[in-house]
Amino acid sequence: MTKFKKDLIEVIVMGLIISAIGILGIIQYQQTQANVKDAIETMALLNRKINDLKAEINHSKDYNQLMFDIMNSTDNIIIKTEQTIIQTLKELPDKIKYDKFVLEQKLQAVNVIIHNDTLGELGSGVTLHYKGKFYILTAGHMLTQKDDKLTFSQNGENFGELEVIKWDFDPADQSLDGVDLLLLQPKNKMLIPKIYVELADYEPLTATEVYIVGNPMGIESVVSDGRIIMYENNYMLFFDHSYFGNSGGGIYTKEGKLLGINSIIMNFDNITHQGIPYVVGGAMRLNVVKKFLEDVE
């Protein structure tokens, strides 16, 4: 209760007391019992109201104390919250580093080496969870013909042969309108990965930072940072340190969702990838990957 309200109540009480004195004076001049009885009842009513107002005034002291306690408590909460925010901000860089480390560990875990034992070549692949099943998605040019023998390995352990589920690649089509995708499954159906990725929901804007994961020059599960340059027909072009062996590896959002499959290294005006520190890579873009997987059951 505010001081203004308390003062107002005290004024009202004083007014009622003065009125009561006036009524007592009136009683002295009344001649009939009826008038005296009415005056007494009026006095009793006024007395009750005075007591009620006094009780409210007394209660206001408790109210004010309560408000004081609440304000003190609120101040303490604000101070503690400020301290928590400051501490959180101090710890945030370490948390970001830790979360980044954990995510990169996961992206390394979903990366596999694809071996074309027929040709003696290797590339990269991604363990993918799609429609409730486990697949390995890679670049279509990892296969030259359907009877090529493909196997996959991880951390130096070979997990056996792969079978082709779907293949879309035309080596004669070197344009950016072509498709370069291959979907595989282990012939051993008991092999189910503990960690896998899922497709991103949408294609991000150009200039978005991404992760690129693969096995460049046979070095397993290298994670690097890149940035999307543009989308051109079926391809997503990006800046990155890309080398042979990255083909079939995943391009990921910074949240770890699959955006595309590494396909080619771009050349411009006869300047090869060895001649510039950052090369332009080309990956099958997300929309093409989704369309490729549409009829997979």
C-alpha atoms as a PDB file:
ATOM      1  CA  MET A   1       0.000   0.000   0.000  1.00  0.00           C
ATOM      2  CA  THR A   2       1.368   3.409  -0.936  1.00  0.00           C
ATOM      3  CA  LYS A   3       1.855   6.296   1.522  1.00  0.00           C
ATOM      4  CA  PHE A   4      -0.787   8.266  -0.398  1.00  0.00           C
ATOM      5  CA  LYS A   5      -3.386   5.563   0.178  1.00  0.00           C
ATOM      6  CA  LYS A   6      -2.510   5.322   3.863  1.00  0.00           C
ATOM      7  CA  ASP A   7      -2.875   9.092   4.342  1.00  0.00           C
ATOM      8  CA  LEU A   8      -6.214   9.003   2.531  1.00  0.00           C
ATOM      9  CA  ILE A   9      -7.553   6.313   4.844  1.00  0.00           C
ATOM     10  CA  GLU A  10      -6.465   8.282   7.917  1.00  0.00           C
ATOM     11  CA  VAL A  11      -8.294  11.364   6.601  1.00  0.00           C
ATOM     12  CA  ILE A  12     -11.446   9.276   6.070  1.00  0.00           C
ATOM     13  CA  VAL A  13     -11.179   7.891   9.606  1.00  0.00           C
ATOM     14  CA  MET A  14     -10.870  11.359  11.070  1.00  0.00           C
ATOM     15  CA  GLY A  15     -13.885  12.443   9.046  1.00  0.00           C
ATOM     16  CA  LEU A  16     -15.910   9.537  10.393  1.00  0.00           C
ATOM     17  CA  ILE A  17     -14.866  10.318  13.978  1.00  0.00           C
ATOM     18  CA  ILE A  18     -15.919  13.950  13.568  1.00  0.00           C
ATOM     19  CA  SER A  19     -19.227  12.760  12.080  1.00  0.00           C
ATOM     20  CA  ALA A  20     -19.720  10.499  15.059  1.00  0.00           C
ATOM     21  CA  ILE A  21     -19.198  13.415  17.454  1.00  0.00           C
ATOM     22  CA  GLY A  22     -21.749  15.376  15.469  1.00  0.00           C
ATOM     23  CA  ILE A  23     -24.223  12.539  15.729  1.00  0.00           C
ATOM     24  CA  LEU A  24     -23.729  12.385  19.497  1.00  0.00           C
ATOM     25  CA  GLY A  25     -24.609  16.054  19.637  1.00  0.00           C
ATOM     26  CA  ILE A  26     -27.739  15.375  17.634  1.00  0.00           C
ATOM     27  CA  ILE A  27     -28.732  12.618  20.044  1.00  0.00           C
ATOM     28  CA  GLN A  28     -28.678  15.065  22.900  1.00  0.00           C
ATOM     29  CA  TYR A  29     -31.354  17.085  21.165  1.00  0.00           C
ATOM     30  CA  GLN A  30     -33.599  14.201  20.117  1.00  0.00           C
ATOM     31  CA  GLN A  31     -36.737  13.761  22.196  1.00  0.00           C
ATOM     32  CA  THR A  32     -38.010  10.383  21.012  1.00  0.00           C
ATOM     33  CA  GLN A  33     -36.739   6.872  21.737  1.00  0.00           C
ATOM     34  CA  ALA A  34     -36.884   6.025  18.038  1.00  0.00           C
ATOM     35  CA  ASN A  35     -34.467   8.793  17.152  1.00  0.00           C
ATOM     36  CA  VAL A  36     -32.105   7.703  19.936  1.00  0.00           C
ATOM     37  CA  LYS A  37     -32.227   4.068  18.692  1.00  0.00           C
ATOM     38  CA  ASP A  38     -31.464   5.135  15.113  1.00  0.00           C
ATOM     39  CA  ALA A  39     -28.566   7.228  16.279  1.00  0.00           C
ATOM     40  CA  ILE A  40     -27.117   4.322  18.305  1.00  0.00           C
ATOM     41  CA  GLU A  41     -27.348   1.997  15.283  1.00  0.00           C
ATOM     42  CA  THR A  42     -25.652   4.615  13.144  1.00  0.00           C
ATOM     43  CA  MET A  43     -22.887   4.920  15.739  1.00  0.00           C
ATOM     44  CA  ALA A  44     -22.397   1.130  15.761  1.00  0.00           C
ATOM     45  CA  LEU A  45     -22.147   1.082  11.973  1.00  0.00           C
ATOM     46  CA  LEU A  46     -19.629   3.901  12.015  1.00  0.00           C
ATOM     47  CA  ASN A  47     -17.637   2.132  14.713  1.00  0.00           C
ATOM     48  CA  ARG A  48     -17.425  -1.041  12.593  1.00  0.00           C
ATOM     49  CA  LYS A  49     -16.230   0.954   9.606  1.00  0.00           C
ATOM     50  CA  ILE A  50     -13.626   2.715  11.743  1.00  0.00           C
ATOM     51  CA  ASN A  51     -12.338  -0.651  13.022  1.00  0.00           C
ATOM     52  CA  ASP A  52     -12.235  -2.035   9.466  1.00  0.00           C
ATOM     53  CA  LEU A  53     -10.239   0.965   8.277  1.00  0.00           C
ATOM     54  CA  LYS A  54      -7.847   0.661  11.226  1.00  0.00           C
ATOM     55  CA  ALA A  55      -7.336  -3.022  10.420  1.00  0.00           C
ATOM     56  CA  GLU A  56      -6.574  -2.138   6.785  1.00  0.00           C
ATOM     57  CA  ILE A  57      -4.049   0.467   7.960  1.00  0.00           C
ATOM     58  CA  ASN A  58      -2.391  -2.095  10.240  1.00  0.00           C
ATOM     59  CA  HIS A  59      -2.423  -4.639   7.435  1.00  0.00           C
ATOM     60  CA  SER A  60      -0.735  -2.110   5.174  1.00  0.00           C
ATOM     61  CA  LYS A  61       2.357  -2.331   7.373  1.00  0.00           C
ATOM     62  CA  ASP A  62       2.582  -6.067   6.607  1.00  0.00           C
ATOM     63  CA  TYR A  63       1.929  -5.305   2.937  1.00  0.00           C
ATOM     64  CA  ASN A  64       4.704  -2.759   2.843  1.00  0.00           C
ATOM     65  CA  GLN A  65       7.053  -5.208   4.539  1.00  0.00           C
ATOM     66  CA  LEU A  66       6.048  -7.863   2.001  1.00  0.00           C
ATOM     67  CA  MET A  67       6.702  -5.478  -0.877  1.00  0.00           C
ATOM     68  CA  PHE A  68      10.057  -4.605   0.665  1.00  0.00           C
ATOM     69  CA  ASP A  69      10.938  -8.303   0.918  1.00  0.00           C
ATOM     70  CA  ILE A  70       9.820  -8.885  -2.672  1.00  0.00           C
ATOM     71  CA  MET A  71      11.956  -5.981  -3.907  1.00  0.00           C
ATOM     72  CA  ASN A  72      14.948  -7.315  -1.984  1.00  0.00           C
ATOM     73  CA  SER A  73      14.357 -10.791  -3.384  1.00  0.00           C
ATOM     74  CA  THR A  74      13.992  -9.400  -6.922  1.00  0.00           C
ATOM     75  CA  ASP A  75      17.247  -7.472  -6.549  1.00  0.00           C
ATOM     76  CA  ASN A  76      18.987 -10.664  -5.417  1.00  0.00           C
ATOM     77  CA  ILE A  77      17.572 -12.597  -8.374  1.00  0.00           C
ATOM     78  CA  ILE A  78      18.726  -9.899 -10.810  1.00  0.00           C
ATOM     79  CA  ILE A  79      22.213  -9.883  -9.289  1.00  0.00           C
ATOM     80  CA  LYS A  80      22.462 -13.688  -9.442  1.00  0.00           C
ATOM     81  CA  THR A  81      21.138 -13.692 -13.030  1.00  0.00           C
ATOM     82  CA  GLU A  82      23.731 -11.102 -14.046  1.00  0.00           C
ATOM     83  CA  GLN A  83      26.448 -13.205 -12.436  1.00  0.00           C
ATOM     84  CA  THR A  84      25.195 -16.317 -14.263  1.00  0.00           C
ATOM     85  CA  ILE A  85      25.139 -14.484 -17.607  1.00  0.00           C
ATOM     86  CA  ILE A  86      28.669 -13.166 -17.077  1.00  0.00           C
ATOM     87  CA  GLN A  87      29.920 -16.636 -16.149  1.00  0.00           C
ATOM     88  CA  THR A  88      28.114 -18.194 -19.137  1.00  0.00           C
ATOM     89  CA  LEU A  89      29.672 -15.657 -21.500  1.00  0.00           C
ATOM     90  CA  LYS A  90      33.088 -16.482 -20.077  1.00  0.00           C
ATOM     91  CA  GLU A  91      32.498 -20.216 -20.637  1.00  0.00           C
ATOM     92  CA  LEU A  92      30.859 -19.785 -24.065  1.00  0.00           C
ATOM     93  CA  PRO A  93      34.056 -19.872 -26.186  1.00  0.00           C
ATOM     94  CA  ASP A  94      35.081 -23.173 -24.585  1.00  0.00           C
ATOM     95  CA  LYS A  95      31.586 -24.583 -25.063  1.00  0.00           C
ATOM     96  CA  ILE A  96      31.570 -23.542 -28.720  1.00  0.00           C
ATOM     97  CA  LYS A  97      34.956 -25.192 -29.210  1.00  0.00           C
ATOM     98  CA  TYR A  98      33.698 -28.353 -27.491  1.00  0.00           C
ATOM     99  CA  ASP A  99      30.476 -28.492 -29.516  1.00  0.00           C
ATOM    100  CA  LYS A 100      32.457 -27.935 -32.722  1.00  0.00           C
ATOM    101  CA  PHE A 101      34.840 -30.718 -31.727  1.00  0.00           C
ATOM    102  CA  VAL A 102      31.961 -33.133 -30.992  1.00  0.00           C
ATOM    103  CA  LEU A 103      30.255 -32.328 -34.315  1.00  0.00           C
ATOM    104  CA  GLU A 104      33.472 -32.782 -36.286  1.00  0.00           C
ATOM    105  CA  GLN A 105      34.003 -36.107 -34.543  1.00  0.00           C
ATOM    106  CA  LYS A 106      30.542 -37.192 -35.683  1.00  0.00           C
ATOM    107  CA  LEU A 107      31.182 -36.102 -39.266  1.00  0.00           C
ATOM    108  CA  GLN A 108      34.390 -38.110 -39.265  1.00  0.00           C
ATOM    109  CA  ALA A 109      32.459 -41.107 -37.930  1.00  0.00           C
ATOM    110  CA  VAL A 110      29.925 -41.032 -40.805  1.00  0.00           C
ATOM    111  CA  ASN A 111      32.678 -40.809 -43.418  1.00  0.00           C
ATOM    112  CA  VAL A 112      33.896 -44.050 -45.022  1.00  0.00           C
ATOM    113  CA  ILE A 113      36.474 -44.946 -47.646  1.00  0.00           C
ATOM    114  CA  ILE A 114      35.029 -46.432 -50.823  1.00  0.00           C
ATOM    115  CA  HIS A 115      37.373 -48.825 -52.630  1.00  0.00           C
ATOM    116  CA  ASN A 116      36.912 -49.729 -56.283  1.00  0.00           C
ATOM    117  CA  ASP A 117      38.891 -52.939 -56.103  1.00  0.00           C
ATOM    118  CA  THR A 118      38.441 -53.512 -59.819  1.00  0.00           C
ATOM    119  CA  LEU A 119      40.213 -50.279 -60.757  1.00  0.00           C
ATOM    120  CA  GLY A 120      42.401 -49.954 -57.665  1.00  0.00           C
ATOM    121  CA  GLU A 121      40.962 -46.520 -56.852  1.00  0.00           C
ATOM    122  CA  LEU A 122      39.417 -45.065 -53.731  1.00  0.00           C
ATOM    123  CA  GLY A 123      37.103 -42.234 -52.770  1.00  0.00           C
ATOM    124  CA  SER A 124      34.765 -41.202 -49.993  1.00  0.00           C
ATOM    125  CA  GLY A 125      31.238 -42.017 -48.901  1.00  0.00           C
ATOM    126  CA  VAL A 126      28.634 -41.041 -46.317  1.00  0.00           C
ATOM    127  CA  THR A 127      26.603 -43.301 -44.031  1.00  0.00           C
ATOM    128  CA  LEU A 128      23.055 -42.065 -44.530  1.00  0.00           C
ATOM    129  CA  HIS A 129      19.793 -42.769 -42.724  1.00  0.00           C
ATOM    130  CA  TYR A 130      16.926 -42.510 -45.191  1.00  0.00           C
ATOM    131  CA  LYS A 131      13.339 -43.803 -44.902  1.00  0.00           C
ATOM    132  CA  GLY A 132      14.305 -45.872 -41.904  1.00  0.00           C
ATOM    133  CA  LYS A 133      17.166 -47.677 -43.665  1.00  0.00           C
ATOM    134  CA  PHE A 134      20.953 -47.466 -43.727  1.00  0.00           C
ATOM    135  CA  TYR A 135      22.742 -46.597 -46.966  1.00  0.00           C
ATOM    136  CA  ILE A 136      26.101 -45.362 -48.166  1.00  0.00           C
ATOM    137  CA  LEU A 137      25.865 -42.418 -50.538  1.00  0.00           C
ATOM    138  CA  THR A 138      28.807 -41.503 -52.757  1.00  0.00           C
ATOM    139  CA  ALA A 139      29.716 -40.078 -56.144  1.00  0.00           C
ATOM    140  CA  GLY A 140      28.515 -41.949 -59.219  1.00  0.00           C
ATOM    141  CA  HIS A 141      31.941 -41.882 -60.866  1.00  0.00           C
ATOM    142  CA  MET A 142      33.234 -44.253 -58.176  1.00  0.00           C
ATOM    143  CA  LEU A 143      31.704 -46.926 -60.404  1.00  0.00           C
ATOM    144  CA  THR A 144      32.580 -47.403 -64.078  1.00  0.00           C
ATOM    145  CA  GLN A 145      30.358 -50.407 -64.666  1.00  0.00           C
ATOM    146  CA  LYS A 146      27.934 -52.332 -62.504  1.00  0.00           C
ATOM    147  CA  ASP A 147      30.150 -55.371 -62.086  1.00  0.00           C
ATOM    148  CA  ASP A 148      32.983 -53.322 -60.537  1.00  0.00           C
ATOM    149  CA  LYS A 149      33.782 -54.662 -57.082  1.00  0.00           C
ATOM    150  CA  LEU A 150      33.241 -52.018 -54.400  1.00  0.00           C
ATOM    151  CA  THR A 151      34.158 -52.387 -50.736  1.00  0.00           C
ATOM    152  CA  PHE A 152      34.266 -49.930 -47.856  1.00  0.00           C
ATOM    153  CA  SER A 153      36.465 -49.411 -44.842  1.00  0.00           C
ATOM    154  CA  GLN A 154      36.818 -47.167 -41.829  1.00  0.00           C
ATOM    155  CA  ASN A 155      39.679 -46.670 -39.384  1.00  0.00           C
ATOM    156  CA  GLY A 156      41.761 -49.236 -41.242  1.00  0.00           C
ATOM    157  CA  GLU A 157      39.113 -51.979 -41.036  1.00  0.00           C
ATOM    158  CA  ASN A 158      37.505 -53.305 -44.225  1.00  0.00           C
ATOM    159  CA  PHE A 159      33.818 -54.113 -43.768  1.00  0.00           C
ATOM    160  CA  GLY A 160      33.281 -56.033 -46.973  1.00  0.00           C
ATOM    161  CA  GLU A 161      31.579 -55.708 -50.299  1.00  0.00           C
ATOM    162  CA  LEU A 162      28.882 -53.255 -51.319  1.00  0.00           C
ATOM    163  CA  GLU A 163      25.919 -53.734 -53.602  1.00  0.00           C
ATOM    164  CA  VAL A 164      24.461 -51.087 -55.894  1.00  0.00           C
ATOM    165  CA  ILE A 165      20.975 -49.815 -54.992  1.00  0.00           C
ATOM    166  CA  LYS A 166      20.827 -46.932 -57.468  1.00  0.00           C
ATOM    167  CA  TRP A 167      23.327 -45.409 -59.884  1.00  0.00           C
ATOM    168  CA  ASP A 168      23.072 -42.253 -61.963  1.00  0.00           C
ATOM    169  CA  PHE A 169      26.202 -41.179 -63.814  1.00  0.00           C
ATOM    170  CA  ASP A 170      27.091 -40.600 -67.442  1.00  0.00           C
ATOM    171  CA  PRO A 171      30.858 -40.218 -67.991  1.00  0.00           C
ATOM    172  CA  ALA A 172      30.173 -38.614 -71.357  1.00  0.00           C
ATOM    173  CA  ASP A 173      28.248 -35.785 -69.740  1.00  0.00           C
ATOM    174  CA  GLN A 174      30.811 -33.337 -68.365  1.00  0.00           C
ATOM    175  CA  SER A 175      28.349 -30.458 -68.037  1.00  0.00           C
ATOM    176  CA  LEU A 176      26.851 -29.070 -64.859  1.00  0.00           C
ATOM    177  CA  ASP A 177      23.519 -30.604 -65.912  1.00  0.00           C
ATOM    178  CA  GLY A 178      24.722 -34.134 -65.252  1.00  0.00           C
ATOM    179  CA  VAL A 179      24.139 -36.305 -62.186  1.00  0.00           C
ATOM    180  CA  ASP A 180      26.951 -37.994 -60.283  1.00  0.00           C
ATOM    181  CA  LEU A 181      25.422 -40.106 -57.527  1.00  0.00           C
ATOM    182  CA  LEU A 182      25.632 -43.702 -56.346  1.00  0.00           C
ATOM    183  CA  LEU A 183      23.620 -45.338 -53.558  1.00  0.00           C
ATOM    184  CA  LEU A 184      25.026 -48.476 -51.942  1.00  0.00           C
ATOM    185  CA  GLN A 185      24.328 -50.949 -49.166  1.00  0.00           C
ATOM    186  CA  PRO A 186      26.613 -53.516 -47.501  1.00  0.00           C
ATOM    187  CA  LYS A 187      25.975 -57.043 -48.737  1.00  0.00           C
ATOM    188  CA  ASN A 188      26.230 -58.064 -45.101  1.00  0.00           C
ATOM    189  CA  LYS A 189      22.845 -56.856 -43.835  1.00  0.00           C
ATOM    190  CA  MET A 190      23.997 -57.239 -40.234  1.00  0.00           C
ATOM    191  CA  LEU A 191      26.219 -54.198 -40.642  1.00  0.00           C
ATOM    192  CA  ILE A 192      24.342 -51.208 -39.247  1.00  0.00           C
ATOM    193  CA  PRO A 193      26.203 -48.029 -38.309  1.00  0.00           C
ATOM    194  CA  LYS A 194      25.748 -46.504 -34.883  1.00  0.00           C
ATOM    195  CA  ILE A 195      26.227 -43.015 -36.297  1.00  0.00           C
ATOM    196  CA  TYR A 196      24.798 -41.639 -39.514  1.00  0.00           C
ATOM    197  CA  VAL A 197      23.577 -38.362 -40.960  1.00  0.00           C
ATOM    198  CA  GLU A 198      20.291 -37.105 -42.333  1.00  0.00           C
ATOM    199  CA  LEU A 199      19.539 -34.753 -45.191  1.00  0.00           C
ATOM    200  CA  ALA A 200      19.262 -31.023 -44.562  1.00  0.00           C
ATOM    201  CA  ASP A 201      15.808 -29.485 -44.868  1.00  0.00           C
ATOM    202  CA  TYR A 202      16.700 -26.845 -47.449  1.00  0.00           C
ATOM    203  CA  GLU A 203      19.556 -25.421 -49.512  1.00  0.00           C
ATOM    204  CA  PRO A 204      21.291 -22.563 -47.674  1.00  0.00           C
ATOM    205  CA  LEU A 205      22.089 -19.206 -49.208  1.00  0.00           C
ATOM    206  CA  THR A 206      25.324 -18.510 -51.012  1.00  0.00           C
ATOM    207  CA  ALA A 207      28.228 -17.411 -48.791  1.00  0.00           C
ATOM    208  CA  THR A 208      27.056 -19.880 -46.128  1.00  0.00           C
ATOM    209  CA  GLU A 209      29.883 -21.672 -44.340  1.00  0.00           C
ATOM    210  CA  VAL A 210      29.936 -25.460 -44.641  1.00  0.00           C
ATOM    211  CA  TYR A 211      31.960 -28.501 -43.608  1.00  0.00           C
ATOM    212  CA  ILE A 212      33.607 -30.693 -46.231  1.00  0.00           C
ATOM    213  CA  VAL A 213      34.606 -34.197 -45.162  1.00  0.00           C
ATOM    214  CA  GLY A 214      36.453 -36.811 -47.187  1.00  0.00           C
ATOM    215  CA  ASN A 215      39.617 -38.813 -47.706  1.00  0.00           C
ATOM    216  CA  PRO A 216      41.897 -36.576 -49.808  1.00  0.00           C
ATOM    217  CA  MET A 217      44.893 -38.465 -51.214  1.00  0.00           C
ATOM    218  CA  GLY A 218      43.909 -41.414 -49.011  1.00  0.00           C
ATOM    219  CA  ILE A 219      44.147 -39.459 -45.749  1.00  0.00           C
ATOM    220  CA  GLU A 220      41.102 -40.634 -43.851  1.00  0.00           C
ATOM    221  CA  SER A 221      38.289 -38.406 -42.597  1.00  0.00           C
ATOM    222  CA  VAL A 222      39.727 -34.947 -43.127  1.00  0.00           C
ATOM    223  CA  VAL A 223      37.335 -32.186 -42.009  1.00  0.00           C
ATOM    224  CA  SER A 224      37.751 -28.759 -43.583  1.00  0.00           C
ATOM    225  CA  ASP A 225      35.815 -25.517 -43.720  1.00  0.00           C
ATOM    226  CA  GLY A 226      34.375 -24.155 -46.934  1.00  0.00           C
ATOM    227  CA  ARG A 227      31.928 -21.596 -48.188  1.00  0.00           C
ATOM    228  CA  ILE A 228      29.197 -21.874 -50.803  1.00  0.00           C
ATOM    229  CA  ILE A 229      29.892 -19.680 -53.836  1.00  0.00           C
ATOM    230  CA  MET A 230      26.869 -20.320 -56.014  1.00  0.00           C
ATOM    231  CA  TYR A 231      24.396 -22.861 -57.344  1.00  0.00           C
ATOM    232  CA  GLU A 232      24.703 -23.786 -60.996  1.00  0.00           C
ATOM    233  CA  ASN A 233      22.223 -26.254 -62.506  1.00  0.00           C
ATOM    234  CA  ASN A 234      22.723 -29.555 -60.616  1.00  0.00           C
ATOM    235  CA  TYR A 235      25.801 -28.375 -58.738  1.00  0.00           C
ATOM    236  CA  MET A 236      26.677 -26.438 -55.638  1.00  0.00           C
ATOM    237  CA  LEU A 237      30.022 -24.683 -56.067  1.00  0.00           C
ATOM    238  CA  PHE A 238      32.173 -23.953 -53.026  1.00  0.00           C
ATOM    239  CA  PHE A 239      35.619 -22.796 -51.920  1.00  0.00           C
ATOM    240  CA  ASP A 240      37.674 -25.479 -50.202  1.00  0.00           C
ATOM    241  CA  HIS A 241      40.956 -27.369 -50.081  1.00  0.00           C
ATOM    242  CA  SER A 242      39.734 -30.206 -52.329  1.00  0.00           C
ATOM    243  CA  TYR A 243      41.908 -33.002 -53.672  1.00  0.00           C
ATOM    244  CA  PHE A 244      41.510 -36.359 -55.329  1.00  0.00           C
ATOM    245  CA  GLY A 245      39.982 -38.810 -52.870  1.00  0.00           C
ATOM    246  CA  ASN A 246      37.365 -36.353 -51.617  1.00  0.00           C
ATOM    247  CA  SER A 247      34.955 -37.488 -54.341  1.00  0.00           C
ATOM    248  CA  GLY A 248      31.819 -38.930 -52.764  1.00  0.00           C
ATOM    249  CA  GLY A 249      32.391 -37.211 -49.433  1.00  0.00           C
ATOM    250  CA  GLY A 250      29.759 -35.106 -47.738  1.00  0.00           C
ATOM    251  CA  ILE A 251      29.157 -31.376 -47.688  1.00  0.00           C
ATOM    252  CA  TYR A 252      27.447 -30.455 -44.422  1.00  0.00           C
ATOM    253  CA  THR A 253      25.764 -27.560 -42.678  1.00  0.00           C
ATOM    254  CA  LYS A 254      27.403 -26.252 -39.528  1.00  0.00           C
ATOM    255  CA  GLU A 255      24.714 -28.236 -37.671  1.00  0.00           C
ATOM    256  CA  GLY A 256      25.850 -31.489 -39.296  1.00  0.00           C
ATOM    257  CA  LYS A 257      23.070 -32.031 -41.872  1.00  0.00           C
ATOM    258  CA  LEU A 258      24.004 -33.348 -45.327  1.00  0.00           C
ATOM    259  CA  LEU A 259      23.843 -30.729 -48.098  1.00  0.00           C
ATOM    260  CA  GLY A 260      25.509 -32.486 -51.002  1.00  0.00           C
ATOM    261  CA  ILE A 261      28.032 -34.999 -52.318  1.00  0.00           C
ATOM    262  CA  ASN A 262      31.475 -33.937 -53.488  1.00  0.00           C
ATOM    263  CA  SER A 263      31.824 -34.561 -57.216  1.00  0.00           C
ATOM    264  CA  ILE A 264      34.373 -32.506 -59.158  1.00  0.00           C
ATOM    265  CA  ILE A 265      37.185 -29.966 -58.944  1.00  0.00           C
ATOM    266  CA  MET A 266      36.471 -27.001 -61.165  1.00  0.00           C
ATOM    267  CA  ASN A 267      39.002 -25.602 -63.645  1.00  0.00           C
ATOM    268  CA  PHE A 268      38.871 -22.025 -64.930  1.00  0.00           C
ATOM    269  CA  ASP A 269      40.744 -20.831 -68.044  1.00  0.00           C
ATOM    270  CA  ASN A 270      43.153 -23.763 -67.878  1.00  0.00           C
ATOM    271  CA  ILE A 271      44.250 -22.870 -64.329  1.00  0.00           C
ATOM    272  CA  THR A 272      44.334 -26.202 -62.527  1.00  0.00           C
ATOM    273  CA  HIS A 273      43.622 -26.851 -58.872  1.00  0.00           C
ATOM    274  CA  GLN A 274      47.354 -27.136 -58.112  1.00  0.00           C
ATOM    275  CA  GLY A 275      47.856 -23.523 -59.210  1.00  0.00           C
ATOM    276  CA  ILE A 276      45.650 -21.789 -56.615  1.00  0.00           C
ATOM    277  CA  PRO A 277      45.593 -22.094 -52.802  1.00  0.00           C
ATOM    278  CA  TYR A 278      41.807 -22.367 -52.601  1.00  0.00           C
ATOM    279  CA  VAL A 279      40.117 -24.398 -55.262  1.00  0.00           C
ATOM    280  CA  VAL A 280      36.517 -24.376 -56.380  1.00  0.00           C
ATOM    281  CA  GLY A 281      34.803 -27.667 -55.749  1.00  0.00           C
ATOM    282  CA  GLY A 282      31.553 -28.865 -57.224  1.00  0.00           C
ATOM    283  CA  ALA A 283      29.068 -31.026 -55.328  1.00  0.00           C
ATOM    284  CA  MET A 284      25.761 -32.561 -56.206  1.00  0.00           C
ATOM    285  CA  ARG A 285      23.380 -30.087 -54.603  1.00  0.00           C
ATOM    286  CA  LEU A 286      20.760 -31.024 -52.013  1.00  0.00           C
ATOM    287  CA  ASN A 287      17.752 -30.773 -54.330  1.00  0.00           C
ATOM    288  CA  VAL A 288      19.391 -33.168 -56.805  1.00  0.00           C
ATOM    289  CA  VAL A 289      20.244 -35.615 -54.014  1.00  0.00           C
ATOM    290  CA  LYS A 290      16.640 -35.556 -52.783  1.00  0.00           C
ATOM    291  CA  LYS A 291      15.284 -36.151 -56.279  1.00  0.00           C
ATOM    292  CA  PHE A 292      17.762 -39.018 -56.765  1.00  0.00           C
ATOM    293  CA  LEU A 293      16.502 -40.676 -53.562  1.00  0.00           C
ATOM    294  CA  GLU A 294      12.782 -40.125 -54.168  1.00  0.00           C
ATOM    295  CA  ASP A 295      11.998 -43.582 -55.566  1.00  0.00           C
ATOM    296  CA  VAL A 296      14.237 -45.476 -53.138  1.00  0.00           C
ATOM    297  CA  GLU A 297      12.163 -47.750 -50.941  1.00  0.00           C
END
